Amino acid sequence: MIDIIPAIIPTSAAHLLETAQMLRFAPRVQIDIVDGVFASPASWPYNQGDIDMTAAATVCEQFEVQVDIMALNPVAAITAWAAAGAKEVVVHLETVATLDEVIGVCATHNIRLWLSGYDTVPVTEYIKHQADIYGVQLMGIHTIGRQGQPLSDRVLDTITQLRAAAPTLPILIDGSVNEDTIEALHRAGASAFVVGSAISKAADPRQAYQSLCQKVN
C-alpha cells in the first residue's frame, strides 16, 4: 500500500486543529514546522513562541503524525513532539553538523527518523546514513517550507539513483505531488507521498486524497 500523507503547515494551534478536522479521512498526516530561520515563513509554534503543545497532542491522538522539522534545533523539536505523541520525524541534513544527537534522541523516544535535504543533495549523503534512519524524504521542490511550487527538475533522477542504490529503503516525496506528477514519481521508485495544496486547497479534499491513492495503488 502506497501512503498518501496530507501535509499541514499550521499558522496557529487553532489552525492546526481546524485543518486536522478537515483531513480526518486520512490515517496519517505530516505537520510541517518552520522556524523562520532555516526556512520561512515561520509556522506555529515558532511564529507565536507557543510552548503549549495541547493542540499537537490532540492531533497526535487522532492521526499517526509525522513532523517535518525545518528548524535549526531539531533535537528540541523532536523531544517536544515525541512528548505530544508523534511517531515519526523528518530532519534536514542542513540543520545539523552531525546526526549523532538526532539519532540518539529518536532512539530514546522510539521515533522513526526520516532524513531529508535540499533537492541538490547527492544520493551518497543519504546512503551513508541508511543504517540509522527509517527512510529518506526527497524534496520535490527547490525552496522548502512553501506549498504550491513546480516540480524540481532533479527529483526524478534522484529517486531513480536512490532506489538503485538502496532497493528496500522507503522513499518519501514531499513537494509538488499532485495528479499530474504522482504517477511519474511512483514509477521512478517513490514509496510514499506527502501532499499539501493538491489536497488542502482542493474543492473536495477527501475526493482529491482518494483520487491520488487510486493512481498509485
Protein backbone atom coordinates (compact mmCIF):
# COMPACT_ATOMS: atom_id res chain seq x y z
CA MET A 1 0.00 0.00 0.00
CA ILE A 2 1.44 3.36 -1.09
CA ASP A 3 0.74 6.02 1.53
CA ILE A 4 -0.65 9.43 0.68
CA ILE A 5 0.08 11.73 3.63
CA PRO A 6 -1.67 15.13 3.72
CA ALA A 7 0.52 17.99 4.92
CA ILE A 8 -0.37 20.74 7.36
CA ILE A 9 1.65 23.94 7.75
CA PRO A 10 -0.04 25.35 10.85
CA THR A 11 -0.26 29.09 11.34
CA SER A 12 -1.65 28.69 14.86
CA ALA A 13 -2.82 25.99 17.25
CA ALA A 14 -6.40 26.69 16.17
CA HIS A 15 -5.44 26.35 12.51
CA LEU A 16 -3.75 23.03 13.23
CA LEU A 17 -6.89 21.67 14.89
CA GLU A 18 -9.17 23.03 12.16
CA THR A 19 -7.08 21.57 9.34
CA ALA A 20 -6.75 18.23 11.12
CA GLN A 21 -10.53 18.07 11.41
CA MET A 22 -10.82 18.67 7.66
CA LEU A 23 -8.33 15.84 6.99
CA ARG A 24 -9.97 13.29 9.30
CA PHE A 25 -10.43 10.88 6.36
CA ALA A 26 -6.64 10.20 6.28
CA PRO A 27 -4.88 7.93 8.82
CA ARG A 28 -1.57 9.81 8.63
CA VAL A 29 -0.64 13.50 8.39
CA GLN A 30 2.61 15.38 8.17
CA ILE A 31 2.87 18.55 10.25
CA ASP A 32 5.44 20.96 8.82
CA ILE A 33 7.09 23.18 11.41
CA VAL A 34 9.21 26.05 10.12
CA ASP A 35 11.38 28.19 12.39
CA GLY A 36 11.64 31.23 10.11
CA VAL A 37 15.45 30.96 10.15
CA PHE A 38 16.32 27.75 8.30
CA ALA A 39 13.24 28.29 6.15
CA SER A 40 10.46 30.85 6.05
CA PRO A 41 7.82 31.99 6.72
CA ALA A 42 7.72 30.73 10.29
CA SER A 43 4.86 28.41 11.20
CA TRP A 44 3.27 27.54 14.53
CA PRO A 45 4.61 27.18 17.16
CA TYR A 46 7.64 29.28 16.14
CA ASN A 47 5.60 32.22 14.88
CA GLN A 48 3.94 32.67 18.28
CA GLY A 49 6.58 31.43 20.71
CA ASP A 50 3.95 28.97 21.86
CA ILE A 51 5.17 26.25 24.22
CA ASP A 52 1.69 24.81 24.84
CA MET A 53 1.59 21.53 22.89
CA THR A 54 -2.01 20.69 23.80
CA ALA A 55 -3.19 21.07 20.20
CA ALA A 56 -0.30 18.93 18.97
CA ALA A 57 -1.18 16.19 21.44
CA THR A 58 -4.81 16.29 20.34
CA VAL A 59 -3.84 15.78 16.71
CA CYS A 60 -1.39 13.01 17.64
CA GLU A 61 -4.27 11.17 19.31
CA GLN A 62 -6.29 11.33 16.08
CA PHE A 63 -3.63 10.50 13.49
CA GLU A 64 -0.30 8.82 13.03
CA VAL A 65 1.71 12.03 12.94
CA GLN A 66 4.97 12.69 11.13
CA VAL A 67 6.65 16.03 11.87
CA ASP A 68 8.83 17.66 9.21
CA ILE A 69 11.25 19.76 11.25
CA MET A 70 12.52 22.70 9.21
CA ALA A 71 14.40 24.26 12.10
CA LEU A 72 17.96 24.80 13.26
CA ASN A 73 17.40 22.99 16.57
CA PRO A 74 15.75 19.72 15.56
CA VAL A 75 16.63 17.93 18.82
CA ALA A 76 14.45 20.27 20.90
CA ALA A 77 11.61 19.87 18.43
CA ILE A 78 11.92 16.07 18.40
CA THR A 79 11.73 16.00 22.19
CA ALA A 80 8.63 18.22 22.30
CA TRP A 81 6.77 16.37 19.57
CA ALA A 82 7.69 12.97 20.99
CA ALA A 83 6.08 14.03 24.27
CA ALA A 84 2.99 15.08 22.30
CA GLY A 85 2.77 11.64 20.69
CA ALA A 86 4.32 11.99 17.22
CA LYS A 87 5.51 8.71 15.66
CA GLU A 88 7.96 9.99 13.02
CA VAL A 89 10.16 12.99 12.36
CA VAL A 90 11.90 14.34 9.28
CA VAL A 91 15.24 16.06 9.89
CA HIS A 92 17.03 18.07 7.23
CA LEU A 93 20.74 17.48 6.77
CA GLU A 94 21.45 21.19 6.56
CA THR A 95 20.18 21.81 10.11
CA VAL A 96 22.78 19.71 11.95
CA ALA A 97 26.57 19.37 11.94
CA THR A 98 26.25 15.69 12.80
CA LEU A 99 23.31 13.30 13.12
CA ASP A 100 24.59 11.61 16.28
CA GLU A 101 22.43 13.56 18.73
CA VAL A 102 19.38 13.34 16.47
CA ILE A 103 19.77 9.57 16.13
CA GLY A 104 20.16 9.25 19.89
CA VAL A 105 17.07 11.27 20.81
CA CYS A 106 14.96 9.43 18.24
CA ALA A 107 16.09 6.10 19.71
CA THR A 108 15.33 7.29 23.23
CA HIS A 109 11.78 8.24 22.28
CA ASN A 110 11.23 5.35 19.85
CA ILE A 111 10.57 7.72 16.96
CA ARG A 112 11.20 6.77 13.34
CA LEU A 113 13.73 9.08 11.69
CA TRP A 114 13.47 10.21 8.08
CA LEU A 115 16.35 12.16 6.56
CA SER A 116 15.83 14.98 4.08
CA GLY A 117 17.71 17.83 2.43
CA TYR A 118 17.70 20.28 -0.42
CA ASP A 119 16.99 18.87 -3.88
CA THR A 120 20.71 19.34 -4.65
CA VAL A 121 21.88 16.84 -2.00
CA PRO A 122 23.67 13.89 -3.69
CA VAL A 123 22.33 10.38 -3.13
CA THR A 124 25.59 9.37 -1.42
CA GLU A 125 24.75 11.63 1.53
CA TYR A 126 21.63 9.58 2.24
CA ILE A 127 23.19 6.20 1.58
CA LYS A 128 25.91 6.67 4.17
CA HIS A 129 23.25 7.14 6.87
CA GLN A 130 20.83 4.40 5.82
CA ALA A 131 21.69 2.09 8.73
CA ASP A 132 20.49 4.74 11.22
CA ILE A 133 17.33 6.01 9.53
CA TYR A 134 13.90 4.68 8.68
CA GLY A 135 13.76 6.32 5.25
CA VAL A 136 14.55 9.33 3.07
CA GLN A 137 12.28 12.23 2.26
CA LEU A 138 13.28 13.72 -1.08
CA MET A 139 12.12 17.24 -1.79
CA GLY A 140 10.08 17.59 -4.96
CA ILE A 141 10.55 21.36 -4.84
CA HIS A 142 13.54 23.67 -4.77
CA THR A 143 12.53 26.02 -1.92
CA ILE A 144 11.38 24.24 1.22
CA GLY A 145 8.65 25.40 3.59
CA ARG A 146 6.18 26.63 0.97
CA GLN A 147 3.41 24.82 -0.86
CA GLY A 148 2.33 25.21 -4.48
CA GLN A 149 5.73 25.21 -6.23
CA PRO A 150 6.56 23.41 -9.51
CA LEU A 151 8.27 20.02 -9.50
CA SER A 152 12.04 20.13 -9.20
CA ASP A 153 13.78 19.09 -12.40
CA ARG A 154 16.19 16.98 -10.35
CA VAL A 155 13.86 14.82 -8.29
CA LEU A 156 13.04 12.04 -10.78
CA ASP A 157 16.72 11.31 -11.39
CA THR A 158 17.43 11.41 -7.66
CA ILE A 159 14.64 8.92 -6.92
CA THR A 160 15.96 6.58 -9.61
CA GLN A 161 19.52 6.78 -8.28
CA LEU A 162 18.48 6.31 -4.66
CA ARG A 163 16.21 3.37 -5.46
CA ALA A 164 19.03 1.67 -7.41
CA ALA A 165 21.48 2.20 -4.55
CA ALA A 166 19.04 1.18 -1.79
CA PRO A 167 16.31 -1.11 -3.18
CA THR A 168 14.42 -1.52 0.11
CA LEU A 169 14.82 1.95 1.62
CA PRO A 170 11.49 3.83 1.98
CA ILE A 171 11.49 6.94 -0.22
CA LEU A 172 9.01 9.68 0.62
CA ILE A 173 8.41 12.59 -1.76
CA ASP A 174 7.39 15.98 -0.38
CA GLY A 175 6.54 18.91 -2.62
CA SER A 176 4.69 19.30 -5.92
CA VAL A 177 2.91 15.94 -5.56
CA ASN A 178 -0.37 16.16 -7.46
CA GLU A 179 -2.49 14.48 -10.14
CA ASP A 180 -0.01 15.45 -12.85
CA THR A 181 3.19 14.30 -11.13
CA ILE A 182 2.44 11.41 -8.80
CA GLU A 183 2.48 8.58 -11.33
CA ALA A 184 5.90 9.51 -12.71
CA LEU A 185 7.27 9.87 -9.19
CA HIS A 186 5.88 6.44 -8.31
CA ARG A 187 7.34 4.81 -11.44
CA ALA A 188 10.75 6.27 -10.59
CA GLY A 189 10.69 4.40 -7.27
CA ALA A 190 8.98 6.55 -4.64
CA SER A 191 7.14 4.57 -1.98
CA ALA A 192 5.07 7.28 -0.21
CA PHE A 193 3.94 10.84 -0.84
CA VAL A 194 3.35 13.96 1.22
CA VAL A 195 0.68 16.12 -0.40
CA GLY A 196 -0.01 19.73 0.50
CA SER A 197 -2.08 22.11 -1.60
CA ALA A 198 -3.32 19.42 -4.02
CA ILE A 199 -5.45 18.15 -1.11
CA SER A 200 -5.87 21.08 1.27
CA LYS A 201 -6.85 23.58 -1.45
CA ALA A 202 -8.99 21.17 -3.47
CA ALA A 203 -12.72 21.82 -3.74
CA ASP A 204 -13.24 18.37 -2.20
CA PRO A 205 -10.15 17.37 -0.16
CA ARG A 206 -11.43 13.84 0.51
CA GLN A 207 -12.04 13.18 -3.18
CA ALA A 208 -8.60 14.61 -4.06
CA TYR A 209 -6.99 12.31 -1.49
CA GLN A 210 -8.86 9.27 -2.77
CA SER A 211 -8.01 10.06 -6.39
CA LEU A 212 -4.29 10.25 -5.59
CA CYS A 213 -4.49 6.98 -3.66
CA GLN A 214 -6.09 5.28 -6.66
CA LYS A 215 -3.37 6.46 -9.03
CA VAL A 216 -0.64 4.62 -7.13
CA ASN A 217 -2.50 1.67 -5.57
